[in-house]
Amino acid sequence: MIHLNITGHSVEKLEDPFGLLSGDRYEFFLDLDVDEEDELYSDKGIGLRAIFVSDENGDKITNFYLYEQGSEKVLDFDLEKDEEELVLAYCKDNAKE
């Protein structure tokens, strides 16, 4: 289990040039603070990329992955349910920037 501590982010609203998708979509890159004792730890830092969707059906994360910052290497780790909820809440609070 990763204990998520989100220390920063960048966000970009994704445009749908053809108008096929409902709602708004945002791409988030979250900066995570990971304990040195955690197997996920890297000197370069760890990030999480997430696609956040807000539409008439509600808010959700449709895709995410963890990566090593600097190398952009995708890491094979999943989030626990409570961590996914934390990421969703964070994205929801910061999507309108």
PDB file of N, CA and C in Angstrom:
ATOM      1  N   MET A   1       0.841  -1.190   0.000  1.00  0.00           N
ATOM      2  CA  MET A   1       0.000   0.000   0.000  1.00  0.00           C
ATOM      3  C   MET A   1       0.877   1.242   0.000  1.00  0.00           C
ATOM      4  N   ILE A   2       0.546   2.159  -0.853  1.00  0.00           N
ATOM      5  CA  ILE A   2       1.247   3.426  -0.959  1.00  0.00           C
ATOM      6  C   ILE A   2       0.499   4.434  -0.094  1.00  0.00           C
ATOM      7  N   HIS A   3       1.229   5.147   0.728  1.00  0.00           N
ATOM      8  CA  HIS A   3       0.589   6.204   1.510  1.00  0.00           C
ATOM      9  C   HIS A   3       0.758   7.495   0.725  1.00  0.00           C
ATOM     10  N   LEU A   4      -0.308   7.921   0.077  1.00  0.00           N
ATOM     11  CA  LEU A   4      -0.237   9.066  -0.816  1.00  0.00           C
ATOM     12  C   LEU A   4      -0.153  10.376  -0.061  1.00  0.00           C
ATOM     13  N   ASN A   5       0.832  11.151  -0.435  1.00  0.00           N
ATOM     14  CA  ASN A   5       0.944  12.523   0.016  1.00  0.00           C
ATOM     15  C   ASN A   5       1.179  13.343  -1.244  1.00  0.00           C
ATOM     16  N   ILE A   6       0.146  14.002  -1.726  1.00  0.00           N
ATOM     17  CA  ILE A   6       0.238  14.779  -2.953  1.00  0.00           C
ATOM     18  C   ILE A   6       0.832  16.137  -2.609  1.00  0.00           C
ATOM     19  N   THR A   7       1.982  16.455  -3.232  1.00  0.00           N
ATOM     20  CA  THR A   7       2.698  17.685  -2.901  1.00  0.00           C
ATOM     21  C   THR A   7       2.534  18.774  -3.954  1.00  0.00           C
ATOM     22  N   GLY A   8       1.997  18.429  -5.099  1.00  0.00           N
ATOM     23  CA  GLY A   8       1.809  19.413  -6.155  1.00  0.00           C
ATOM     24  C   GLY A   8       1.226  18.746  -7.382  1.00  0.00           C
ATOM     25  N   HIS A   9       0.935  19.574  -8.380  1.00  0.00           N
ATOM     26  CA  HIS A   9       0.349  19.014  -9.593  1.00  0.00           C
ATOM     27  C   HIS A   9       0.450  19.996 -10.749  1.00  0.00           C
ATOM     28  N   SER A  10       0.251  19.461 -11.936  1.00  0.00           N
ATOM     29  CA  SER A  10      -0.049  20.278 -13.106  1.00  0.00           C
ATOM     30  C   SER A  10      -1.309  19.681 -13.717  1.00  0.00           C
ATOM     31  N   VAL A  11      -2.110  20.521 -14.342  1.00  0.00           N
ATOM     32  CA  VAL A  11      -3.378  20.060 -14.906  1.00  0.00           C
ATOM     33  C   VAL A  11      -3.621  20.773 -16.230  1.00  0.00           C
ATOM     34  N   GLU A  12      -4.201  20.035 -17.154  1.00  0.00           N
ATOM     35  CA  GLU A  12      -4.554  20.606 -18.445  1.00  0.00           C
ATOM     36  C   GLU A  12      -5.932  20.093 -18.843  1.00  0.00           C
ATOM     37  N   LYS A  13      -6.794  21.012 -19.257  1.00  0.00           N
ATOM     38  CA  LYS A  13      -8.108  20.601 -19.751  1.00  0.00           C
ATOM     39  C   LYS A  13      -7.915  20.032 -21.153  1.00  0.00           C
ATOM     40  N   LEU A  14      -8.450  18.832 -21.368  1.00  0.00           N
ATOM     41  CA  LEU A  14      -8.330  18.177 -22.663  1.00  0.00           C
ATOM     42  C   LEU A  14      -9.491  18.603 -23.551  1.00  0.00           C
ATOM     43  N   GLU A  15      -9.172  19.000 -24.759  1.00  0.00           N
ATOM     44  CA  GLU A  15     -10.193  19.457 -25.699  1.00  0.00           C
ATOM     45  C   GLU A  15     -10.692  18.284 -26.537  1.00  0.00           C
ATOM     46  N   ASP A  16     -11.969  18.294 -26.840  1.00  0.00           N
ATOM     47  CA  ASP A  16     -12.605  17.312 -27.719  1.00  0.00           C
ATOM     48  C   ASP A  16     -12.998  18.054 -28.996  1.00  0.00           C
ATOM     49  N   PRO A  17     -12.107  18.078 -29.995  1.00  0.00           N
ATOM     50  CA  PRO A  17     -12.365  18.905 -31.183  1.00  0.00           C
ATOM     51  C   PRO A  17     -13.599  18.496 -31.985  1.00  0.00           C
ATOM     52  N   PHE A  18     -14.044  17.268 -31.844  1.00  0.00           N
ATOM     53  CA  PHE A  18     -15.197  16.802 -32.610  1.00  0.00           C
ATOM     54  C   PHE A  18     -16.487  16.785 -31.794  1.00  0.00           C
ATOM     55  N   GLY A  19     -16.410  17.068 -30.500  1.00  0.00           N
ATOM     56  CA  GLY A  19     -17.593  17.111 -29.655  1.00  0.00           C
ATOM     57  C   GLY A  19     -18.248  15.760 -29.434  1.00  0.00           C
ATOM     58  N   LEU A  20     -17.461  14.705 -29.481  1.00  0.00           N
ATOM     59  CA  LEU A  20     -18.004  13.353 -29.326  1.00  0.00           C
ATOM     60  C   LEU A  20     -18.165  12.927 -27.874  1.00  0.00           C
ATOM     61  N   LEU A  21     -17.362  13.495 -27.003  1.00  0.00           N
ATOM     62  CA  LEU A  21     -17.349  13.076 -25.602  1.00  0.00           C
ATOM     63  C   LEU A  21     -18.172  14.032 -24.752  1.00  0.00           C
ATOM     64  N   SER A  22     -18.883  13.477 -23.790  1.00  0.00           N
ATOM     65  CA  SER A  22     -19.675  14.333 -22.905  1.00  0.00           C
ATOM     66  C   SER A  22     -18.821  14.825 -21.742  1.00  0.00           C
ATOM     67  N   GLY A  23     -19.166  15.969 -21.217  1.00  0.00           N
ATOM     68  CA  GLY A  23     -18.494  16.491 -20.032  1.00  0.00           C
ATOM     69  C   GLY A  23     -17.120  17.068 -20.316  1.00  0.00           C
ATOM     70  N   ASP A  24     -16.396  17.312 -19.232  1.00  0.00           N
ATOM     71  CA  ASP A  24     -15.047  17.874 -19.295  1.00  0.00           C
ATOM     72  C   ASP A  24     -14.038  16.826 -18.872  1.00  0.00           C
ATOM     73  N   ARG A  25     -12.865  16.850 -19.530  1.00  0.00           N
ATOM     74  CA  ARG A  25     -11.783  15.919 -19.214  1.00  0.00           C
ATOM     75  C   ARG A  25     -10.523  16.716 -18.904  1.00  0.00           C
ATOM     76  N   TYR A  26      -9.816  16.255 -17.879  1.00  0.00           N
ATOM     77  CA  TYR A  26      -8.591  16.913 -17.448  1.00  0.00           C
ATOM     78  C   TYR A  26      -7.492  15.869 -17.287  1.00  0.00           C
ATOM     79  N   GLU A  27      -6.287  16.251 -17.697  1.00  0.00           N
ATOM     80  CA  GLU A  27      -5.127  15.391 -17.480  1.00  0.00           C
ATOM     81  C   GLU A  27      -4.330  15.982 -16.318  1.00  0.00           C
ATOM     82  N   PHE A  28      -4.172  15.192 -15.275  1.00  0.00           N
ATOM     83  CA  PHE A  28      -3.428  15.599 -14.090  1.00  0.00           C
ATOM     84  C   PHE A  28      -2.101  14.864 -14.024  1.00  0.00           C
ATOM     85  N   PHE A  29      -1.062  15.581 -13.645  1.00  0.00           N
ATOM     86  CA  PHE A  29       0.212  14.989 -13.263  1.00  0.00           C
ATOM     87  C   PHE A  29       0.437  15.386 -11.809  1.00  0.00           C
ATOM     88  N   LEU A  30       0.331  14.415 -10.915  1.00  0.00           N
ATOM     89  CA  LEU A  30       0.456  14.666  -9.484  1.00  0.00           C
ATOM     90  C   LEU A  30       1.859  14.333  -9.011  1.00  0.00           C
ATOM     91  N   ASP A  31       2.431  15.200  -8.192  1.00  0.00           N
ATOM     92  CA  ASP A  31       3.718  14.939  -7.545  1.00  0.00           C
ATOM     93  C   ASP A  31       3.434  14.271  -6.212  1.00  0.00           C
ATOM     94  N   LEU A  32       4.085  13.129  -5.969  1.00  0.00           N
ATOM     95  CA  LEU A  32       3.852  12.372  -4.746  1.00  0.00           C
ATOM     96  C   LEU A  32       5.096  12.354  -3.878  1.00  0.00           C
ATOM     97  N   ASP A  33       4.889  12.457  -2.586  1.00  0.00           N
ATOM     98  CA  ASP A  33       5.958  12.294  -1.610  1.00  0.00           C
ATOM     99  C   ASP A  33       5.854  10.863  -1.085  1.00  0.00           C
ATOM    100  N   VAL A  34       6.868  10.046  -1.387  1.00  0.00           N
ATOM    101  CA  VAL A  34       6.860   8.637  -1.006  1.00  0.00           C
ATOM    102  C   VAL A  34       7.977   8.396   0.005  1.00  0.00           C
ATOM    103  N   ASP A  35       7.661   7.720   1.087  1.00  0.00           N
ATOM    104  CA  ASP A  35       8.627   7.405   2.138  1.00  0.00           C
ATOM    105  C   ASP A  35       9.787   6.583   1.576  1.00  0.00           C
ATOM    106  N   GLU A  36      11.003   6.867   2.040  1.00  0.00           N
ATOM    107  CA  GLU A  36      12.194   6.150   1.574  1.00  0.00           C
ATOM    108  C   GLU A  36      12.117   4.654   1.828  1.00  0.00           C
ATOM    109  N   GLU A  37      11.353   4.235   2.814  1.00  0.00           N
ATOM    110  CA  GLU A  37      11.219   2.814   3.136  1.00  0.00           C
ATOM    111  C   GLU A  37      10.234   2.094   2.216  1.00  0.00           C
ATOM    112  N   ASP A  38       9.440   2.839   1.464  1.00  0.00           N
ATOM    113  CA  ASP A  38       8.435   2.251   0.579  1.00  0.00           C
ATOM    114  C   ASP A  38       9.114   1.662  -0.653  1.00  0.00           C
ATOM    115  N   GLU A  39       8.638   0.504  -1.128  1.00  0.00           N
ATOM    116  CA  GLU A  39       9.227  -0.132  -2.305  1.00  0.00           C
ATOM    117  C   GLU A  39       9.048   0.714  -3.560  1.00  0.00           C
ATOM    118  N   LEU A  40       8.138   1.651  -3.550  1.00  0.00           N
ATOM    119  CA  LEU A  40       7.898   2.534  -4.684  1.00  0.00           C
ATOM    120  C   LEU A  40       8.886   3.702  -4.736  1.00  0.00           C
ATOM    121  N   TYR A  41       9.613   3.946  -3.669  1.00  0.00           N
ATOM    122  CA  TYR A  41      10.490   5.114  -3.557  1.00  0.00           C
ATOM    123  C   TYR A  41      11.524   5.158  -4.683  1.00  0.00           C
ATOM    124  N   SER A  42      11.790   6.360  -5.174  1.00  0.00           N
ATOM    125  CA  SER A  42      12.850   6.615  -6.142  1.00  0.00           C
ATOM    126  C   SER A  42      13.474   7.963  -5.809  1.00  0.00           C
ATOM    127  N   ASP A  43      14.799   8.063  -5.946  1.00  0.00           N
ATOM    128  CA  ASP A  43      15.493   9.337  -5.734  1.00  0.00           C
ATOM    129  C   ASP A  43      14.982  10.420  -6.687  1.00  0.00           C
ATOM    130  N   LYS A  44      14.532   9.999  -7.860  1.00  0.00           N
ATOM    131  CA  LYS A  44      14.070  10.943  -8.880  1.00  0.00           C
ATOM    132  C   LYS A  44      12.687  11.504  -8.576  1.00  0.00           C
ATOM    133  N   GLY A  45      11.943  10.800  -7.735  1.00  0.00           N
ATOM    134  CA  GLY A  45      10.579  11.211  -7.412  1.00  0.00           C
ATOM    135  C   GLY A  45       9.562  10.339  -8.129  1.00  0.00           C
ATOM    136  N   ILE A  46       8.366  10.331  -7.601  1.00  0.00           N
ATOM    137  CA  ILE A  46       7.279   9.524  -8.145  1.00  0.00           C
ATOM    138  C   ILE A  46       6.117  10.447  -8.503  1.00  0.00           C
ATOM    139  N   GLY A  47       5.512  10.161  -9.632  1.00  0.00           N
ATOM    140  CA  GLY A  47       4.354  10.921 -10.065  1.00  0.00           C
ATOM    141  C   GLY A  47       3.195  10.001 -10.396  1.00  0.00           C
ATOM    142  N   LEU A  48       2.032  10.601 -10.516  1.00  0.00           N
ATOM    143  CA  LEU A  48       0.839   9.863 -10.904  1.00  0.00           C
ATOM    144  C   LEU A  48       0.133  10.661 -11.989  1.00  0.00           C
ATOM    145  N   ARG A  49      -0.102  10.015 -13.134  1.00  0.00           N
ATOM    146  CA  ARG A  49      -0.861  10.644 -14.213  1.00  0.00           C
ATOM    147  C   ARG A  49      -2.284  10.119 -14.120  1.00  0.00           C
ATOM    148  N   ALA A  50      -3.256  11.018 -14.174  1.00  0.00           N
ATOM    149  CA  ALA A  50      -4.660  10.619 -14.075  1.00  0.00           C
ATOM    150  C   ALA A  50      -5.495  11.412 -15.070  1.00  0.00           C
ATOM    151  N   ILE A  51      -6.474  10.730 -15.658  1.00  0.00           N
ATOM    152  CA  ILE A  51      -7.472  11.399 -16.486  1.00  0.00           C
ATOM    153  C   ILE A  51      -8.745  11.502 -15.646  1.00  0.00           C
ATOM    154  N   PHE A  52      -9.154  12.733 -15.387  1.00  0.00           N
ATOM    155  CA  PHE A  52     -10.328  13.024 -14.573  1.00  0.00           C
ATOM    156  C   PHE A  52     -11.456  13.480 -15.496  1.00  0.00           C
ATOM    157  N   VAL A  53     -12.639  12.879 -15.327  1.00  0.00           N
ATOM    158  CA  VAL A  53     -13.804  13.213 -16.149  1.00  0.00           C
ATOM    159  C   VAL A  53     -14.925  13.724 -15.251  1.00  0.00           C
ATOM    160  N   SER A  54     -15.505  14.835 -15.647  1.00  0.00           N
ATOM    161  CA  SER A  54     -16.667  15.390 -14.959  1.00  0.00           C
ATOM    162  C   SER A  54     -17.771  15.547 -16.004  1.00  0.00           C
ATOM    163  N   ASP A  55     -18.851  14.753 -15.855  1.00  0.00           N
ATOM    164  CA  ASP A  55     -19.962  14.838 -16.798  1.00  0.00           C
ATOM    165  C   ASP A  55     -21.289  14.644 -16.071  1.00  0.00           C
ATOM    166  N   GLU A  56     -22.368  14.479 -16.831  1.00  0.00           N
ATOM    167  CA  GLU A  56     -23.697  14.359 -16.220  1.00  0.00           C
ATOM    168  C   GLU A  56     -23.839  13.130 -15.339  1.00  0.00           C
ATOM    169  N   ASN A  57     -22.952  12.157 -15.485  1.00  0.00           N
ATOM    170  CA  ASN A  57     -22.983  10.949 -14.648  1.00  0.00           C
ATOM    171  C   ASN A  57     -22.157  11.088 -13.373  1.00  0.00           C
ATOM    172  N   GLY A  58     -21.498  12.227 -13.196  1.00  0.00           N
ATOM    173  CA  GLY A  58     -20.678  12.450 -12.007  1.00  0.00           C
ATOM    174  C   GLY A  58     -19.213  12.612 -12.351  1.00  0.00           C
ATOM    175  N   ASP A  59     -18.378  12.534 -11.333  1.00  0.00           N
ATOM    176  CA  ASP A  59     -16.934  12.692 -11.475  1.00  0.00           C
ATOM    177  C   ASP A  59     -16.266  11.341 -11.304  1.00  0.00           C
ATOM    178  N   LYS A  60     -15.218  11.100 -12.117  1.00  0.00           N
ATOM    179  CA  LYS A  60     -14.499   9.831 -12.004  1.00  0.00           C
ATOM    180  C   LYS A  60     -13.103   9.948 -12.598  1.00  0.00           C
ATOM    181  N   ILE A  61     -12.243   9.037 -12.175  1.00  0.00           N
ATOM    182  CA  ILE A  61     -10.927   8.861 -12.778  1.00  0.00           C
ATOM    183  C   ILE A  61     -11.079   7.719 -13.774  1.00  0.00           C
ATOM    184  N   THR A  62     -10.807   7.986 -15.051  1.00  0.00           N
ATOM    185  CA  THR A  62     -10.988   6.936 -16.052  1.00  0.00           C
ATOM    186  C   THR A  62      -9.708   6.163 -16.324  1.00  0.00           C
ATOM    187  N   ASN A  63      -8.560   6.744 -15.983  1.00  0.00           N
ATOM    188  CA  ASN A  63      -7.287   6.085 -16.238  1.00  0.00           C
ATOM    189  C   ASN A  63      -6.232   6.730 -15.354  1.00  0.00           C
ATOM    190  N   PHE A  64      -5.305   5.916 -14.857  1.00  0.00           N
ATOM    191  CA  PHE A  64      -4.172   6.467 -14.113  1.00  0.00           C
ATOM    192  C   PHE A  64      -3.010   5.487 -14.151  1.00  0.00           C
ATOM    193  N   TYR A  65      -1.817   6.020 -13.952  1.00  0.00           N
ATOM    194  CA  TYR A  65      -0.649   5.175 -13.742  1.00  0.00           C
ATOM    195  C   TYR A  65       0.391   5.949 -12.946  1.00  0.00           C
ATOM    196  N   LEU A  66       1.209   5.198 -12.236  1.00  0.00           N
ATOM    197  CA  LEU A  66       2.329   5.757 -11.485  1.00  0.00           C
ATOM    198  C   LEU A  66       3.564   5.710 -12.367  1.00  0.00           C
ATOM    199  N   TYR A  67       4.441   6.698 -12.219  1.00  0.00           N
ATOM    200  CA  TYR A  67       5.658   6.728 -13.025  1.00  0.00           C
ATOM    201  C   TYR A  67       6.801   7.347 -12.224  1.00  0.00           C
ATOM    202  N   GLU A  68       8.022   7.019 -12.663  1.00  0.00           N
ATOM    203  CA  GLU A  68       9.216   7.602 -12.062  1.00  0.00           C
ATOM    204  C   GLU A  68       9.490   8.921 -12.771  1.00  0.00           C
ATOM    205  N   GLN A  69       9.569   9.990 -12.017  1.00  0.00           N
ATOM    206  CA  GLN A  69       9.818  11.294 -12.616  1.00  0.00           C
ATOM    207  C   GLN A  69      11.232  11.327 -13.184  1.00  0.00           C
ATOM    208  N   GLY A  70      11.406  12.073 -14.243  1.00  0.00           N
ATOM    209  CA  GLY A  70      12.705  12.148 -14.899  1.00  0.00           C
ATOM    210  C   GLY A  70      12.821  11.129 -16.017  1.00  0.00           C
ATOM    211  N   SER A  71      12.634   9.858 -15.694  1.00  0.00           N
ATOM    212  CA  SER A  71      12.714   8.809 -16.717  1.00  0.00           C
ATOM    213  C   SER A  71      11.355   8.550 -17.361  1.00  0.00           C
ATOM    214  N   GLU A  72      10.279   8.949 -16.690  1.00  0.00           N
ATOM    215  CA  GLU A  72       8.898   8.711 -17.132  1.00  0.00           C
ATOM    216  C   GLU A  72       8.573   7.220 -17.238  1.00  0.00           C
ATOM    217  N   LYS A  73       9.375   6.383 -16.590  1.00  0.00           N
ATOM    218  CA  LYS A  73       9.149   4.933 -16.599  1.00  0.00           C
ATOM    219  C   LYS A  73       7.862   4.615 -15.836  1.00  0.00           C
ATOM    220  N   VAL A  74       6.948   3.885 -16.499  1.00  0.00           N
ATOM    221  CA  VAL A  74       5.687   3.500 -15.870  1.00  0.00           C
ATOM    222  C   VAL A  74       5.959   2.396 -14.851  1.00  0.00           C
ATOM    223  N   LEU A  75       5.377   2.541 -13.662  1.00  0.00           N
ATOM    224  CA  LEU A  75       5.590   1.589 -12.574  1.00  0.00           C
ATOM    225  C   LEU A  75       4.363   0.700 -12.412  1.00  0.00           C
ATOM    226  N   ASP A  76       4.599  -0.571 -12.160  1.00  0.00           N
ATOM    227  CA  ASP A  76       3.520  -1.557 -12.069  1.00  0.00           C
ATOM    228  C   ASP A  76       3.001  -1.644 -10.636  1.00  0.00           C
ATOM    229  N   PHE A  77       2.275  -0.612 -10.226  1.00  0.00           N
ATOM    230  CA  PHE A  77       1.669  -0.559  -8.897  1.00  0.00           C
ATOM    231  C   PHE A  77       0.225  -0.106  -9.049  1.00  0.00           C
ATOM    232  N   ASP A  78      -0.638  -0.625  -8.209  1.00  0.00           N
ATOM    233  CA  ASP A  78      -2.028  -0.181  -8.167  1.00  0.00           C
ATOM    234  C   ASP A  78      -2.265   0.624  -6.898  1.00  0.00           C
ATOM    235  N   LEU A  79      -3.334   1.375  -6.892  1.00  0.00           N
ATOM    236  CA  LEU A  79      -3.735   2.115  -5.703  1.00  0.00           C
ATOM    237  C   LEU A  79      -4.812   1.336  -4.965  1.00  0.00           C
ATOM    238  N   GLU A  80      -4.828   1.507  -3.656  1.00  0.00           N
ATOM    239  CA  GLU A  80      -5.907   0.957  -2.839  1.00  0.00           C
ATOM    240  C   GLU A  80      -7.161   1.808  -3.080  1.00  0.00           C
ATOM    241  N   LYS A  81      -8.306   1.268  -2.733  1.00  0.00           N
ATOM    242  CA  LYS A  81      -9.584   1.971  -2.935  1.00  0.00           C
ATOM    243  C   LYS A  81      -9.578   3.356  -2.278  1.00  0.00           C
ATOM    244  N   ASP A  82      -9.073   3.451  -1.045  1.00  0.00           N
ATOM    245  CA  ASP A  82      -9.056   4.747  -0.354  1.00  0.00           C
ATOM    246  C   ASP A  82      -8.093   5.726  -1.023  1.00  0.00           C
ATOM    247  N   GLU A  83      -7.017   5.210  -1.619  1.00  0.00           N
ATOM    248  CA  GLU A  83      -6.077   6.077  -2.328  1.00  0.00           C
ATOM    249  C   GLU A  83      -6.703   6.596  -3.623  1.00  0.00           C
ATOM    250  N   GLU A  84      -7.448   5.731  -4.314  1.00  0.00           N
ATOM    251  CA  GLU A  84      -8.162   6.173  -5.511  1.00  0.00           C
ATOM    252  C   GLU A  84      -9.161   7.270  -5.162  1.00  0.00           C
ATOM    253  N   GLU A  85      -9.844   7.120  -4.030  1.00  0.00           N
ATOM    254  CA  GLU A  85     -10.806   8.132  -3.590  1.00  0.00           C
ATOM    255  C   GLU A  85     -10.103   9.449  -3.270  1.00  0.00           C
ATOM    256  N   LEU A  86      -8.911   9.373  -2.683  1.00  0.00           N
ATOM    257  CA  LEU A  86      -8.128  10.571  -2.387  1.00  0.00           C
ATOM    258  C   LEU A  86      -7.740  11.293  -3.679  1.00  0.00           C
ATOM    259  N   VAL A  87      -7.280  10.532  -4.676  1.00  0.00           N
ATOM    260  CA  VAL A  87      -6.908  11.117  -5.965  1.00  0.00           C
ATOM    261  C   VAL A  87      -8.133  11.751  -6.630  1.00  0.00           C
ATOM    262  N   LEU A  88      -9.260  11.069  -6.610  1.00  0.00           N
ATOM    263  CA  LEU A  88     -10.491  11.610  -7.189  1.00  0.00           C
ATOM    264  C   LEU A  88     -10.881  12.926  -6.518  1.00  0.00           C
ATOM    265  N   ALA A  89     -10.853  12.957  -5.196  1.00  0.00           N
ATOM    266  CA  ALA A  89     -11.206  14.178  -4.460  1.00  0.00           C
ATOM    267  C   ALA A  89     -10.233  15.310  -4.785  1.00  0.00           C
ATOM    268  N   TYR A  90      -8.938  14.993  -4.870  1.00  0.00           N
ATOM    269  CA  TYR A  90      -7.929  16.005  -5.185  1.00  0.00           C
ATOM    270  C   TYR A  90      -8.181  16.580  -6.583  1.00  0.00           C
ATOM    271  N   CYS A  91      -8.406  15.693  -7.547  1.00  0.00           N
ATOM    272  CA  CYS A  91      -8.652  16.140  -8.917  1.00  0.00           C
ATOM    273  C   CYS A  91      -9.923  16.981  -8.998  1.00  0.00           C
ATOM    274  N   LYS A  92     -10.957  16.546  -8.310  1.00  0.00           N
ATOM    275  CA  LYS A  92     -12.224  17.285  -8.308  1.00  0.00           C
ATOM    276  C   LYS A  92     -12.018  18.701  -7.765  1.00  0.00           C
ATOM    277  N   ASP A  93     -11.239  18.824  -6.695  1.00  0.00           N
ATOM    278  CA  ASP A  93     -10.985  20.129  -6.074  1.00  0.00           C
ATOM    279  C   ASP A  93     -10.120  21.040  -6.940  1.00  0.00           C
ATOM    280  N   ASN A  94      -9.301  20.454  -7.823  1.00  0.00           N
ATOM    281  CA  ASN A  94      -8.327  21.242  -8.576  1.00  0.00           C
ATOM    282  C   ASN A  94      -8.578  21.272 -10.082  1.00  0.00           C
ATOM    283  N   ALA A  95      -9.684  20.743 -10.548  1.00  0.00           N
ATOM    284  CA  ALA A  95      -9.941  20.640 -11.988  1.00  0.00           C
ATOM    285  C   ALA A  95     -10.261  21.971 -12.643  1.00  0.00           C
ATOM    286  N   LYS A  96     -10.760  22.905 -11.939  1.00  0.00           N
ATOM    287  CA  LYS A  96     -11.244  24.145 -12.556  1.00  0.00           C
ATOM    288  C   LYS A  96     -10.193  25.243 -12.637  1.00  0.00           C
ATOM    289  N   GLU A  97      -8.943  24.879 -12.513  1.00  0.00           N
ATOM    290  CA  GLU A  97      -7.878  25.902 -12.529  1.00  0.00           C
ATOM    291  C   GLU A  97      -7.747  26.582 -13.874  1.00  0.00           C
TER     292      GLU A  97
END
